[in-house]
Protein backbone atom coordinates (compact mmCIF):
# COMPACT_ATOMS: atom_id res chain seq x y z
CA MET A 1 -20.90 -20.17 9.96
CA LYS A 2 -21.48 -18.13 6.80
CA GLN A 3 -20.65 -19.06 3.21
CA ILE A 4 -18.39 -16.34 1.80
CA THR A 5 -16.74 -15.93 -1.60
CA ILE A 6 -13.86 -13.49 -2.10
CA ILE A 7 -13.13 -12.41 -5.68
CA GLY A 8 -9.45 -11.49 -6.00
CA THR A 9 -6.43 -12.93 -4.17
CA GLY A 10 -4.24 -9.86 -3.88
CA TYR A 11 -3.28 -8.28 -0.55
CA VAL A 12 -6.84 -7.26 0.31
CA GLY A 13 -8.70 -10.31 -0.97
CA LEU A 14 -6.37 -12.93 0.42
CA VAL A 15 -6.11 -11.33 3.85
CA THR A 16 -9.86 -10.69 4.02
CA GLY A 17 -10.76 -14.23 3.00
CA THR A 18 -8.23 -15.85 5.30
CA CYS A 19 -9.30 -13.77 8.30
CA PHE A 20 -12.99 -14.49 7.70
CA ALA A 21 -12.11 -18.21 7.59
CA ASP A 22 -10.17 -17.84 10.82
CA LEU A 23 -13.33 -16.42 12.39
CA GLY A 24 -15.08 -19.71 11.61
CA ASN A 25 -16.69 -19.00 8.24
CA GLN A 26 -16.57 -21.17 5.12
CA VAL A 27 -14.58 -19.14 2.60
CA THR A 28 -13.72 -19.66 -1.05
CA CYS A 29 -11.16 -17.33 -2.62
CA LEU A 30 -11.61 -16.92 -6.35
CA ASP A 31 -9.16 -15.56 -8.91
CA ILE A 32 -9.12 -15.80 -12.71
CA ASP A 33 -5.31 -15.91 -12.56
CA GLU A 34 -4.75 -19.66 -12.78
CA GLU A 35 -1.13 -19.32 -11.67
CA LYS A 36 -2.13 -17.64 -8.40
CA ILE A 37 -4.65 -20.39 -7.69
CA ARG A 38 -2.04 -23.05 -8.51
CA ILE A 39 0.40 -21.44 -6.06
CA LEU A 40 -2.23 -21.23 -3.31
CA ASN A 41 -3.39 -24.81 -3.85
CA SER A 42 0.21 -25.99 -3.59
CA ASN A 43 0.48 -24.53 -0.08
CA ASP A 44 2.44 -21.49 -1.17
CA VAL A 45 1.55 -17.78 -1.03
CA PRO A 46 2.00 -15.34 -3.97
CA ILE A 47 2.51 -12.28 -1.73
CA TYR A 48 4.55 -11.49 1.38
CA GLU A 49 2.54 -10.52 4.45
CA PRO A 50 3.72 -11.41 7.98
CA GLY A 51 1.68 -14.25 9.48
CA LEU A 52 -0.44 -14.84 6.38
CA ARG A 53 1.18 -18.09 5.25
CA GLU A 54 0.64 -19.70 8.65
CA MET A 55 -2.98 -18.53 8.88
CA ILE A 56 -3.78 -19.80 5.38
CA SER A 57 -2.24 -23.20 6.15
CA ARG A 58 -4.20 -23.51 9.39
CA ASN A 59 -7.56 -22.73 7.79
CA VAL A 60 -6.98 -24.89 4.70
CA LYS A 61 -6.22 -27.82 6.99
CA ALA A 62 -9.39 -27.07 8.97
CA GLY A 63 -11.42 -27.20 5.75
CA ARG A 64 -12.64 -23.60 6.08
CA LEU A 65 -10.60 -22.08 3.25
CA SER A 66 -10.28 -23.10 -0.40
CA PHE A 67 -9.16 -21.60 -3.71
CA THR A 68 -10.62 -21.81 -7.20
CA SER A 69 -10.76 -20.05 -10.57
CA SER A 70 -14.39 -21.08 -11.21
CA TYR A 71 -17.18 -18.55 -10.61
CA GLU A 72 -19.82 -21.27 -10.88
CA GLU A 73 -18.11 -23.41 -8.26
CA SER A 74 -17.35 -20.60 -5.82
CA LEU A 75 -20.77 -18.93 -5.93
CA LYS A 76 -22.83 -22.15 -5.77
CA ASP A 77 -23.57 -21.89 -2.04
CA ALA A 78 -22.37 -18.36 -1.34
CA GLU A 79 -24.38 -15.98 0.84
CA TYR A 80 -21.89 -13.11 0.53
CA VAL A 81 -19.59 -12.25 -2.38
CA PHE A 82 -16.79 -9.74 -1.74
CA ILE A 83 -15.28 -8.02 -4.78
CA ALA A 84 -11.63 -7.38 -3.88
CA VAL A 85 -9.98 -6.86 -7.26
CA GLY A 86 -7.44 -4.24 -8.29
CA THR A 87 -8.46 -0.72 -9.32
CA PRO A 88 -5.23 0.71 -10.79
CA SER A 89 -4.82 4.27 -11.99
CA GLY A 90 -5.88 5.07 -15.53
CA VAL A 91 -4.25 7.54 -17.94
CA ASP A 92 -5.64 10.65 -16.22
CA GLY A 93 -5.47 9.32 -12.67
CA GLU A 94 -8.98 7.89 -12.74
CA ALA A 95 -9.61 4.48 -11.17
CA ASP A 96 -9.58 1.75 -13.82
CA LEU A 97 -12.68 -0.35 -13.11
CA ARG A 98 -12.23 -3.02 -15.76
CA TYR A 99 -11.67 -5.77 -13.17
CA VAL A 100 -14.66 -4.67 -11.12
CA ARG A 101 -16.78 -4.78 -14.28
CA MET A 102 -15.49 -8.26 -15.13
CA ALA A 103 -16.33 -9.45 -11.62
CA ALA A 104 -19.83 -7.96 -11.73
CA GLU A 105 -20.54 -9.48 -15.15
CA SER A 106 -19.24 -12.89 -14.07
CA ILE A 107 -21.42 -12.80 -10.94
CA ALA A 108 -24.46 -11.96 -13.07
CA ASP A 109 -23.73 -14.86 -15.42
CA VAL A 110 -24.00 -17.48 -12.64
CA LEU A 111 -26.41 -15.73 -10.26
CA ASP A 112 -29.12 -18.26 -9.39
CA HIS A 113 -29.98 -17.45 -5.76
CA PRO A 114 -30.17 -14.31 -3.59
CA LEU A 115 -26.78 -12.78 -2.79
CA ILE A 116 -25.26 -9.88 -0.93
CA ILE A 117 -22.51 -8.41 -3.12
CA VAL A 118 -19.92 -6.45 -1.18
CA ASN A 119 -17.54 -3.97 -2.81
CA LYS A 120 -14.28 -4.32 -0.87
CA SER A 121 -12.09 -2.74 -3.56
CA THR A 122 -11.39 0.97 -3.39
CA VAL A 123 -13.76 2.33 -6.03
CA PRO A 124 -14.95 5.80 -7.12
CA VAL A 125 -18.05 7.28 -5.55
CA GLY A 126 -21.04 5.88 -7.43
CA THR A 127 -19.51 2.49 -8.23
CA GLY A 128 -21.95 0.61 -6.02
CA ASP A 129 -24.86 1.90 -8.10
CA TRP A 130 -22.94 1.06 -11.27
CA VAL A 131 -22.23 -2.53 -10.16
CA ALA A 132 -25.89 -3.04 -9.29
CA ASP A 133 -26.92 -1.73 -12.71
CA ILE A 134 -24.48 -4.07 -14.50
CA ILE A 135 -25.79 -7.13 -12.67
CA ARG A 136 -29.42 -6.12 -13.01
CA LYS A 137 -29.15 -5.72 -16.78
CA ARG A 138 -26.96 -8.76 -17.44
CA GLN A 139 -28.51 -11.48 -15.29
CA GLU A 140 -31.00 -13.92 -16.69
CA GLY A 141 -34.23 -13.86 -14.77
CA ASN A 142 -34.80 -11.60 -11.80
CA VAL A 143 -32.79 -13.05 -8.93
CA PRO A 144 -32.76 -10.58 -6.01
CA PHE A 145 -29.44 -9.21 -4.77
CA SER A 146 -28.12 -6.29 -2.77
CA VAL A 147 -24.92 -4.26 -3.08
CA VAL A 148 -23.00 -3.10 0.01
CA SER A 149 -19.89 -0.94 0.12
CA ASN A 150 -17.33 -2.12 2.70
CA PRO A 151 -14.07 -0.24 2.07
CA GLU A 152 -10.86 -1.77 3.38
CA PHE A 153 -8.40 -0.05 5.69
CA LEU A 154 -5.59 -2.61 5.71
CA ARG A 155 -1.94 -1.58 5.90
CA GLU A 156 0.46 -3.87 4.09
CA GLY A 157 2.82 -5.41 6.61
CA ASN A 158 0.18 -5.17 9.34
CA ALA A 159 -2.87 -6.34 7.41
CA ILE A 160 -3.93 -9.28 9.58
CA ASN A 161 -3.84 -7.21 12.75
CA ASP A 162 -5.70 -4.39 10.99
CA PHE A 163 -8.45 -6.77 9.91
CA LEU A 164 -8.86 -8.40 13.30
CA ASN A 165 -8.51 -5.16 15.30
CA PRO A 166 -10.07 -2.45 13.12
CA ASP A 167 -10.60 1.14 14.24
CA ARG A 168 -14.02 0.91 12.60
CA VAL A 169 -15.97 -1.06 10.00
CA VAL A 170 -17.65 1.08 7.34
CA LEU A 171 -20.72 -0.24 5.52
CA GLY A 172 -22.88 1.54 2.99
CA SER A 173 -25.99 0.40 1.13
CA LEU A 174 -29.40 1.42 -0.10
CA ASP A 175 -30.59 -1.80 1.55
CA ARG A 176 -30.26 -1.34 5.31
CA GLU A 177 -31.08 -4.98 6.01
CA ALA A 178 -28.25 -6.14 3.72
CA ALA A 179 -25.78 -3.79 5.44
CA GLU A 180 -26.82 -5.15 8.83
CA LYS A 181 -26.29 -8.71 7.61
CA VAL A 182 -22.74 -7.83 6.54
CA ALA A 183 -22.30 -6.18 9.95
CA GLN A 184 -23.02 -9.58 11.53
CA LEU A 185 -19.83 -10.92 9.93
CA TYR A 186 -17.80 -8.34 11.84
CA LEU A 187 -19.47 -8.61 15.24
CA PRO A 188 -16.79 -10.98 16.65
CA LEU A 189 -14.25 -8.17 16.19
CA ARG A 190 -16.14 -5.90 18.63
CA ALA A 191 -15.33 -2.82 16.56
CA PRO A 192 -17.44 0.30 15.96
CA ILE A 193 -19.62 -0.24 12.88
CA VAL A 194 -20.63 2.76 10.77
CA ILE A 195 -23.61 2.17 8.48
CA THR A 196 -24.40 4.79 5.88
CA ASP A 197 -25.47 5.08 2.24
CA LEU A 198 -23.41 3.67 -0.61
CA ARG A 199 -21.80 6.87 -1.85
CA THR A 200 -20.88 8.13 1.60
CA ALA A 201 -19.16 4.83 2.44
CA GLU A 202 -17.18 5.00 -0.80
CA MET A 203 -16.16 8.58 -0.04
CA ILE A 204 -15.05 7.74 3.51
CA LYS A 205 -12.26 5.56 2.06
CA TYR A 206 -10.96 8.22 -0.33
CA ALA A 207 -11.20 11.00 2.23
CA SER A 208 -9.33 8.91 4.82
CA ASN A 209 -6.45 8.05 2.52
CA ALA A 210 -6.19 11.57 1.12
CA PHE A 211 -6.04 13.00 4.64
CA LEU A 212 -3.26 10.63 5.67
CA ALA A 213 -1.32 11.41 2.48
CA ALA A 214 -1.77 15.12 3.24
CA ARG A 215 -0.25 14.63 6.71
CA ILE A 216 2.80 12.98 5.16
CA SER A 217 3.23 15.74 2.59
CA PHE A 218 2.69 18.38 5.27
CA ILE A 219 5.48 17.08 7.50
CA ASN A 220 7.75 16.70 4.47
CA GLU A 221 7.17 20.34 3.58
CA ILE A 222 7.96 21.29 7.17
CA ALA A 223 11.12 19.16 6.85
CA SER A 224 12.26 21.17 3.83
CA ILE A 225 11.78 24.38 5.79
CA CYS A 226 13.62 22.88 8.78
CA GLU A 227 16.63 22.20 6.59
CA LYS A 228 16.77 25.86 5.55
CA LEU A 229 16.31 27.19 9.09
CA GLY A 230 18.44 24.72 11.06
CA ALA A 231 15.63 22.98 12.96
CA ASP A 232 15.18 19.21 13.47
CA VAL A 233 11.92 17.91 12.02
CA LYS A 234 11.92 14.80 14.24
CA GLU A 235 11.79 16.99 17.32
CA VAL A 236 9.27 19.29 15.66
CA ALA A 237 7.00 16.32 14.87
CA ALA A 238 7.35 14.97 18.41
CA GLY A 239 6.40 18.34 19.86
CA MET A 240 3.42 18.62 17.53
CA GLY A 241 2.23 15.08 18.22
CA TYR A 242 1.68 15.59 21.94
CA ASP A 243 -1.17 17.91 21.02
CA LYS A 244 -4.26 15.68 21.21
CA ARG A 245 -5.77 17.52 18.26
CA ILE A 246 -2.84 16.43 16.10
CA GLY A 247 -1.40 13.14 17.38
CA HIS A 248 1.85 11.38 16.44
CA TYR A 249 0.72 9.22 13.54
CA PHE A 250 1.88 9.87 9.96
CA LEU A 251 4.27 12.63 11.00
CA ASP A 252 7.50 10.92 9.94
CA ALA A 253 9.37 12.98 7.37
CA GLY A 254 11.02 10.95 4.65
CA LEU A 255 10.99 10.14 0.96
CA GLY A 256 7.22 10.38 0.71
CA TYR A 257 4.36 7.90 0.50
CA GLY A 258 4.10 5.03 -1.96
CA GLY A 259 2.35 1.71 -2.33
CA SER A 260 -0.88 0.64 -3.94
CA CYS A 261 -3.26 2.96 -2.06
CA PHE A 262 -2.19 6.52 -1.30
CA PRO A 263 -0.79 7.45 -4.75
CA LYS A 264 -3.68 6.09 -6.78
CA ASP A 265 -6.40 7.13 -4.33
CA VAL A 266 -5.26 10.75 -4.14
CA LYS A 267 -5.05 10.87 -7.96
CA ALA A 268 -8.47 9.26 -8.31
CA LEU A 269 -10.05 11.71 -5.84
CA GLU A 270 -8.48 14.63 -7.72
CA TYR A 271 -9.93 13.24 -10.96
CA MET A 272 -13.40 12.83 -9.45
CA ALA A 273 -13.26 16.39 -8.14
CA LEU A 274 -12.17 17.83 -11.49
CA ILE A 275 -14.78 16.12 -13.64
CA HIS A 276 -17.52 17.24 -11.26
CA GLY A 277 -16.44 20.87 -11.22
CA ALA A 278 -14.58 21.06 -7.89
CA HIS A 279 -11.10 22.56 -7.46
CA PRO A 280 -8.76 20.14 -5.64
CA GLN A 281 -5.80 22.48 -5.09
CA LEU A 282 -4.80 20.80 -1.82
CA LEU A 283 -4.72 17.34 -3.40
CA ARG A 284 -2.48 18.65 -6.16
CA ALA A 285 -0.09 20.13 -3.62
CA VAL A 286 -0.01 16.84 -1.69
CA MET A 287 1.08 14.97 -4.83
CA GLU A 288 3.62 17.59 -5.90
CA ILE A 289 5.31 17.69 -2.48
CA ASN A 290 5.50 13.89 -2.56
CA ARG A 291 7.27 13.95 -5.94
CA ASP A 292 9.62 16.66 -4.65
CA GLN A 293 10.97 14.39 -1.92
CA ARG A 294 12.60 12.12 -4.51
CA ARG A 295 13.93 15.07 -6.53
CA GLN A 296 15.41 16.70 -3.43
CA THR A 297 17.28 13.48 -2.64
CA VAL A 298 18.89 13.48 -6.07
CA HIS A 299 19.76 17.15 -5.61
CA LYS A 300 21.46 16.35 -2.26
CA LEU A 301 23.46 13.57 -3.87
CA ARG A 302 24.54 15.78 -6.73
CA GLU A 303 25.61 18.50 -4.30
CA LEU A 304 27.58 16.13 -2.07
CA LEU A 305 29.23 14.20 -4.91
CA GLY A 306 30.85 17.10 -6.69
CA GLY A 307 27.93 18.41 -8.72
CA ASN A 308 27.78 15.47 -11.11
CA LEU A 309 26.42 11.93 -10.67
CA ASP A 310 27.79 10.53 -13.91
CA GLY A 311 29.61 7.30 -13.10
CA LYS A 312 28.95 7.58 -9.35
CA VAL A 313 27.82 4.41 -7.58
CA VAL A 314 24.70 4.86 -5.44
CA GLY A 315 23.23 2.11 -3.27
CA LEU A 316 19.55 2.01 -2.30
CA LEU A 317 19.10 0.48 1.14
CA GLY A 318 15.57 -0.94 0.90
CA LEU A 319 13.36 -1.25 -2.18
CA SER A 320 9.82 -2.01 -0.99
CA PHE A 321 7.61 1.00 -0.36
CA LYS A 322 7.50 0.22 3.37
CA PRO A 323 8.84 -2.44 5.79
CA ASN A 324 7.25 -5.90 6.14
CA THR A 325 6.06 -6.12 2.55
CA ASP A 326 7.54 -6.96 -0.84
CA ASP A 327 5.26 -4.47 -2.59
CA MET A 328 7.12 -2.03 -4.84
CA ARG A 329 4.13 -0.33 -6.42
CA GLU A 330 4.83 3.43 -6.47
CA ALA A 331 7.81 2.80 -4.16
CA PRO A 332 10.25 5.73 -3.78
CA SER A 333 13.03 3.35 -4.80
CA VAL A 334 11.58 3.00 -8.30
CA GLU A 335 11.50 6.73 -9.01
CA LEU A 336 14.88 7.26 -7.36
CA ALA A 337 16.47 4.52 -9.45
CA HIS A 338 15.14 6.06 -12.66
CA LEU A 339 16.18 9.60 -11.69
CA LEU A 340 19.67 8.48 -10.71
CA ALA A 341 20.14 6.40 -13.84
CA HIS A 342 19.06 9.39 -15.92
CA GLU A 343 21.86 11.37 -14.24
CA GLY A 344 24.37 8.70 -15.27
CA ALA A 345 24.73 7.04 -11.87
CA ILE A 346 25.32 3.31 -11.40
CA VAL A 347 22.49 2.18 -9.12
CA LYS A 348 22.62 -0.81 -6.77
CA GLY A 349 19.93 -2.04 -4.36
CA TYR A 350 19.22 -4.38 -1.48
CA ASP A 351 15.97 -5.43 0.21
CA PRO A 352 15.31 -8.30 2.66
CA VAL A 353 12.20 -9.59 0.84
CA ALA A 354 11.53 -7.60 -2.36
CA GLU A 355 14.42 -8.90 -4.46
CA HIS A 356 12.18 -11.06 -6.69
CA VAL A 357 9.87 -8.10 -7.31
CA ALA A 358 12.80 -5.75 -7.99
CA GLN A 359 14.08 -8.09 -10.70
CA LYS A 360 10.85 -7.44 -12.62
CA VAL A 361 10.25 -3.78 -11.73
CA LEU A 362 13.87 -2.58 -12.02
CA PRO A 363 15.63 -5.08 -14.30
CA GLU A 364 18.68 -2.79 -14.73
CA LEU A 365 19.24 -2.49 -10.98
CA GLN A 366 22.29 -4.28 -9.61
CA LEU A 367 20.94 -6.35 -6.71
CA SER A 368 23.12 -7.08 -3.68
CA SER A 369 22.99 -9.99 -1.24
CA SER A 370 23.36 -7.95 1.97
CA PRO A 371 23.69 -4.35 3.17
CA TYR A 372 27.45 -4.81 3.39
CA ASP A 373 27.64 -6.19 -0.14
CA LEU A 374 25.57 -3.20 -1.25
CA ALA A 375 27.92 -0.69 0.39
CA GLU A 376 31.00 -2.18 -1.29
CA GLY A 377 32.41 0.45 -3.63
CA CYS A 378 29.49 2.87 -3.27
CA ASP A 379 30.03 6.62 -3.40
CA ALA A 380 26.75 7.07 -1.53
CA LEU A 381 24.04 5.09 0.25
CA VAL A 382 20.40 6.14 0.47
CA VAL A 383 18.15 4.65 3.17
CA VAL A 384 14.87 4.16 1.28
CA THR A 385 12.95 1.68 3.45
CA GLU A 386 13.14 1.63 7.27
CA TRP A 387 13.53 -2.13 7.70
CA ASN A 388 14.42 -2.95 11.31
CA GLU A 389 17.58 -4.78 10.27
CA PHE A 390 19.02 -1.51 8.94
CA LYS A 391 18.79 0.20 12.32
CA ASN A 392 21.56 -1.87 13.91
CA LEU A 393 24.02 -2.34 11.06
CA ASP A 394 27.74 -2.22 11.76
CA MET A 395 28.12 1.27 10.35
CA THR A 396 31.88 1.26 10.81
CA ARG A 397 32.06 -1.77 8.52
CA ILE A 398 29.70 -0.03 6.07
CA LYS A 399 31.90 3.07 6.02
CA GLU A 400 35.11 1.11 5.48
CA VAL A 401 33.90 -0.59 2.29
CA MET A 402 32.50 2.60 0.74
CA LYS A 403 34.46 5.07 -1.34
CA GLN A 404 35.80 7.98 0.69
CA PRO A 405 34.39 10.24 1.92
CA PRO A 406 31.28 8.04 2.42
CA VAL A 407 28.01 9.85 1.74
CA LEU A 408 24.89 8.69 3.60
CA ILE A 409 21.43 10.04 2.76
CA ASP A 410 19.11 8.89 5.55
CA GLY A 411 15.79 9.01 3.73
CA ARG A 412 13.90 7.68 6.76
CA ASN A 413 15.77 9.42 9.61
CA ILE A 414 16.62 6.13 11.32
CA TYR A 415 20.13 7.19 12.41
CA VAL A 416 21.37 9.81 14.86
CA PRO A 417 23.11 12.55 12.80
CA GLU A 418 25.82 13.23 15.37
CA GLU A 419 26.74 9.54 15.61
CA MET A 420 27.00 9.17 11.84
CA LYS A 421 29.17 12.26 11.55
CA GLN A 422 31.46 11.03 14.32
CA LEU A 423 31.90 7.77 12.42
CA GLY A 424 33.08 9.78 9.43
CA PHE A 425 30.01 9.81 7.20
CA VAL A 426 28.96 12.83 5.19
CA TYR A 427 25.43 12.57 6.55
CA ARG A 428 22.15 14.12 5.42
CA GLY A 429 18.76 13.24 6.81
CA ILE A 430 15.36 14.65 5.93
CA GLY A 431 14.72 17.95 7.70
CA ARG A 432 17.37 17.41 10.36
CA GLY A 433 18.89 20.90 10.14
CA TYR A 434 22.47 21.29 9.06
């Protein structure tokens, strides 16, 4: 059993800490947000992630998992300290490292025994060296420590499974022995472990996310061409995916990527490239195509609703950026709501779990209690998030409560076009060929 401290109780920190506890380690999760710690200590969870509440409860009861806002308390017996704080986008797309700096300084202030400090947050290339320099200069005395980069590859909505069944574990450090000690924590998972230098490990995370974002933008560009030429992008993607060199993953055309990772990581990588004299044309195209998906949806609505959206009622079916999470950071729904409101539309929305987040992010949005309540009186519906419950709705009932003719924009291609048209919908998917 190892003594582990996790700094940050967001999606990454809370899942990482809870899973390490479930593997038999003694884990303390630290956050300077007193409200988050109060919620966690009252047997509640501040985020939605399937299975997380139950796993937290089990490990708290077993005495392996605890929560605190005190650095001194949490680092007292720690052998490993994972920094898992947010790194939001700055003004020019750069990663804002203020929370990483605060964590590093706070570690230095209480450092009184050897530690392995692990950067779990997604941070720019060179941050590991920077963190080490901050701690080295700020600490009193000369307590030895090592810095290891251990980027996360967790998907919201599937984070526990991703942690416990990883494709690989990436570790980077100038101290090989420290990296191998961190590798020991992951041995029970029986996953491939890649050990490299600090900067290469940091770059692996950015390159991975940028590549996946590029796949999404690629298939969305193909979808736009399919619409012009009368082809069906779902069949195109299926045919492509059987090629072992390509595969099926991340080839679902839709409203583009969102969330806390892809948007900010692609922007941050573009920024790093620019300030070091590289020319990231592909990254720029990836971001522009992603923005276009939302604009094209508004264009389709305008075209189908008589050329003008002023006073039209549009319902957004799903608000979170993906299913099985309440996260609305960079969600397509947010940009769509703003674009539609700017056009004069009345915008309504429904989501199975993100309602409380939507109240803060989109205070002007009219929230509905069910998909059927949402459809009532709508000129058009837009499928924004592919929640499973939307796939088997009573579409006849949906059609009957909408204004006629009912317009359906299937932003995630979850319905069969022919079936929707037979039911009487004016249907448009993404790249389905009309």
